[in-house]
N, C-alpha and C. Protein backbone atom coordinates (compact mmCIF):
# COMPACT_ATOMS: atom_id res chain seq x y z
N MET A 1 -24.79 -11.26 -12.20
CA MET A 1 -25.60 -10.00 -11.98
C MET A 1 -25.36 -9.11 -13.21
N GLU A 2 -24.10 -9.16 -13.66
CA GLU A 2 -23.82 -8.33 -14.89
C GLU A 2 -24.75 -8.61 -16.02
N ALA A 3 -25.01 -9.89 -16.27
CA ALA A 3 -25.94 -10.26 -17.36
C ALA A 3 -27.36 -9.69 -17.11
N SER A 4 -27.83 -9.79 -15.85
CA SER A 4 -29.15 -9.22 -15.56
C SER A 4 -29.20 -7.76 -15.72
N ILE A 5 -28.19 -7.07 -15.40
CA ILE A 5 -28.18 -5.61 -15.53
C ILE A 5 -28.15 -5.24 -16.96
N LYS A 6 -27.33 -6.00 -17.80
CA LYS A 6 -27.28 -5.68 -19.23
C LYS A 6 -28.55 -6.06 -19.92
N GLN A 7 -29.30 -7.05 -19.43
CA GLN A 7 -30.49 -7.37 -20.03
C GLN A 7 -31.51 -6.31 -19.78
N LYS A 8 -31.59 -5.74 -18.63
CA LYS A 8 -32.53 -4.72 -18.30
C LYS A 8 -32.16 -3.35 -18.93
N HIS A 9 -30.81 -3.09 -18.98
CA HIS A 9 -30.26 -1.81 -19.46
C HIS A 9 -29.16 -2.15 -20.46
N PRO A 10 -29.55 -2.43 -21.72
CA PRO A 10 -28.50 -2.89 -22.66
C PRO A 10 -27.36 -1.94 -22.88
N GLN A 11 -27.52 -0.66 -22.71
CA GLN A 11 -26.53 0.36 -22.90
C GLN A 11 -25.59 0.49 -21.66
N ALA A 12 -25.92 -0.22 -20.57
CA ALA A 12 -25.10 -0.06 -19.38
C ALA A 12 -23.68 -0.40 -19.49
N ASP A 13 -22.83 0.30 -18.83
CA ASP A 13 -21.41 0.02 -18.80
C ASP A 13 -21.23 -0.64 -17.45
N VAL A 14 -20.92 -1.96 -17.47
CA VAL A 14 -20.79 -2.73 -16.25
C VAL A 14 -19.28 -3.04 -16.08
N GLU A 15 -18.71 -2.75 -14.96
CA GLU A 15 -17.31 -2.94 -14.71
C GLU A 15 -17.05 -3.59 -13.42
N LEU A 16 -16.31 -4.66 -13.42
CA LEU A 16 -15.91 -5.39 -12.20
C LEU A 16 -14.55 -4.91 -11.81
N ILE A 17 -14.36 -4.34 -10.63
CA ILE A 17 -13.08 -3.85 -10.15
C ILE A 17 -12.77 -4.76 -9.00
N PRO A 18 -11.79 -5.63 -9.12
CA PRO A 18 -11.43 -6.49 -8.01
C PRO A 18 -10.97 -5.76 -6.80
N GLY A 19 -11.24 -6.22 -5.66
CA GLY A 19 -10.88 -5.44 -4.41
C GLY A 19 -10.95 -6.47 -3.33
N SER A 20 -10.97 -5.94 -2.11
CA SER A 20 -10.91 -6.79 -0.88
C SER A 20 -11.81 -6.15 0.20
N GLY A 21 -12.17 -6.84 1.20
CA GLY A 21 -12.97 -6.26 2.25
C GLY A 21 -14.45 -6.48 2.01
N GLY A 22 -14.88 -7.07 0.94
CA GLY A 22 -16.31 -7.29 0.76
C GLY A 22 -17.08 -6.14 0.24
N THR A 23 -16.45 -5.20 -0.36
CA THR A 23 -17.12 -4.08 -0.96
C THR A 23 -17.98 -4.40 -2.13
N PHE A 24 -19.16 -3.84 -2.24
CA PHE A 24 -20.03 -4.06 -3.40
C PHE A 24 -20.74 -2.73 -3.61
N LEU A 25 -20.34 -2.01 -4.67
CA LEU A 25 -20.95 -0.77 -5.03
C LEU A 25 -21.54 -0.85 -6.33
N VAL A 26 -22.66 -0.14 -6.55
CA VAL A 26 -23.29 0.00 -7.80
C VAL A 26 -23.68 1.45 -8.01
N HIS A 27 -23.32 2.06 -9.11
CA HIS A 27 -23.65 3.42 -9.50
C HIS A 27 -24.45 3.35 -10.79
N ALA A 28 -25.38 4.23 -10.86
CA ALA A 28 -26.20 4.38 -12.10
C ALA A 28 -26.40 5.84 -12.35
N ASP A 29 -26.15 6.36 -13.50
CA ASP A 29 -26.35 7.69 -13.93
C ASP A 29 -25.54 8.64 -12.95
N GLY A 30 -24.38 8.18 -12.48
CA GLY A 30 -23.61 9.02 -11.66
C GLY A 30 -23.93 8.95 -10.12
N LYS A 31 -24.98 8.24 -9.82
CA LYS A 31 -25.52 8.17 -8.43
C LYS A 31 -25.30 6.79 -7.82
N LYS A 32 -24.93 6.78 -6.57
CA LYS A 32 -24.76 5.52 -5.88
C LYS A 32 -26.16 4.94 -5.57
N VAL A 33 -26.40 3.68 -6.09
CA VAL A 33 -27.70 3.03 -5.81
C VAL A 33 -27.56 1.83 -4.84
N TRP A 34 -26.35 1.34 -4.69
CA TRP A 34 -26.19 0.26 -3.72
C TRP A 34 -24.77 0.33 -3.17
N ASP A 35 -24.57 0.33 -1.88
CA ASP A 35 -23.37 0.28 -1.17
C ASP A 35 -23.44 -0.66 -0.07
N LYS A 36 -22.91 -1.87 -0.22
CA LYS A 36 -22.98 -2.98 0.79
C LYS A 36 -22.53 -2.52 2.13
N LEU A 37 -21.39 -1.82 2.24
CA LEU A 37 -20.81 -1.54 3.49
C LEU A 37 -21.35 -0.25 4.15
N ALA A 38 -21.38 0.84 3.36
CA ALA A 38 -21.89 2.15 3.83
C ALA A 38 -23.30 2.12 4.32
N ASP A 39 -24.14 1.46 3.53
CA ASP A 39 -25.61 1.49 3.85
C ASP A 39 -25.97 0.31 4.77
N ASN A 40 -24.98 -0.59 5.05
CA ASN A 40 -25.22 -1.78 5.89
C ASN A 40 -26.39 -2.59 5.24
N SER A 41 -26.43 -2.62 3.96
CA SER A 41 -27.55 -3.27 3.20
C SER A 41 -27.15 -4.69 2.82
N GLY A 42 -25.91 -5.08 3.00
CA GLY A 42 -25.60 -6.47 2.60
C GLY A 42 -25.48 -6.64 1.14
N PHE A 43 -25.24 -7.81 0.70
CA PHE A 43 -25.21 -8.16 -0.83
C PHE A 43 -26.52 -8.31 -1.30
N PRO A 44 -26.92 -7.54 -2.40
CA PRO A 44 -28.29 -7.64 -2.88
C PRO A 44 -28.61 -8.98 -3.69
N ASP A 45 -29.79 -9.41 -3.67
CA ASP A 45 -30.16 -10.42 -4.69
C ASP A 45 -30.49 -9.66 -5.97
N GLU A 46 -30.56 -10.38 -7.07
CA GLU A 46 -30.73 -9.72 -8.34
C GLU A 46 -32.01 -8.92 -8.35
N ALA A 47 -33.14 -9.38 -7.84
CA ALA A 47 -34.43 -8.66 -7.95
C ALA A 47 -34.28 -7.34 -7.21
N ALA A 48 -33.69 -7.33 -5.94
CA ALA A 48 -33.55 -6.15 -5.23
C ALA A 48 -32.68 -5.09 -5.94
N LEU A 49 -31.56 -5.61 -6.56
CA LEU A 49 -30.70 -4.72 -7.25
C LEU A 49 -31.34 -4.11 -8.42
N LEU A 50 -32.00 -4.95 -9.22
CA LEU A 50 -32.59 -4.41 -10.43
C LEU A 50 -33.76 -3.52 -10.10
N GLY A 51 -34.41 -3.69 -8.96
CA GLY A 51 -35.39 -2.75 -8.56
C GLY A 51 -35.01 -1.40 -8.27
N THR A 52 -33.71 -1.20 -8.03
CA THR A 52 -33.13 0.06 -7.75
C THR A 52 -32.68 0.85 -8.97
N LEU A 53 -32.59 0.08 -10.10
CA LEU A 53 -32.06 0.71 -11.30
C LEU A 53 -33.17 1.19 -12.20
């Protein structure tokens, strides 16, 4: 997914922070655009995630 984000937004700063509990968060321009746990939205497929960016 990092490669897809970087392809669509070459200047993006993509950081993987290892954790536990199945958390998956995506922030863009200081705003949360995907939160697997809080929004009960599950893990996104690439097309769904890129559609939010």
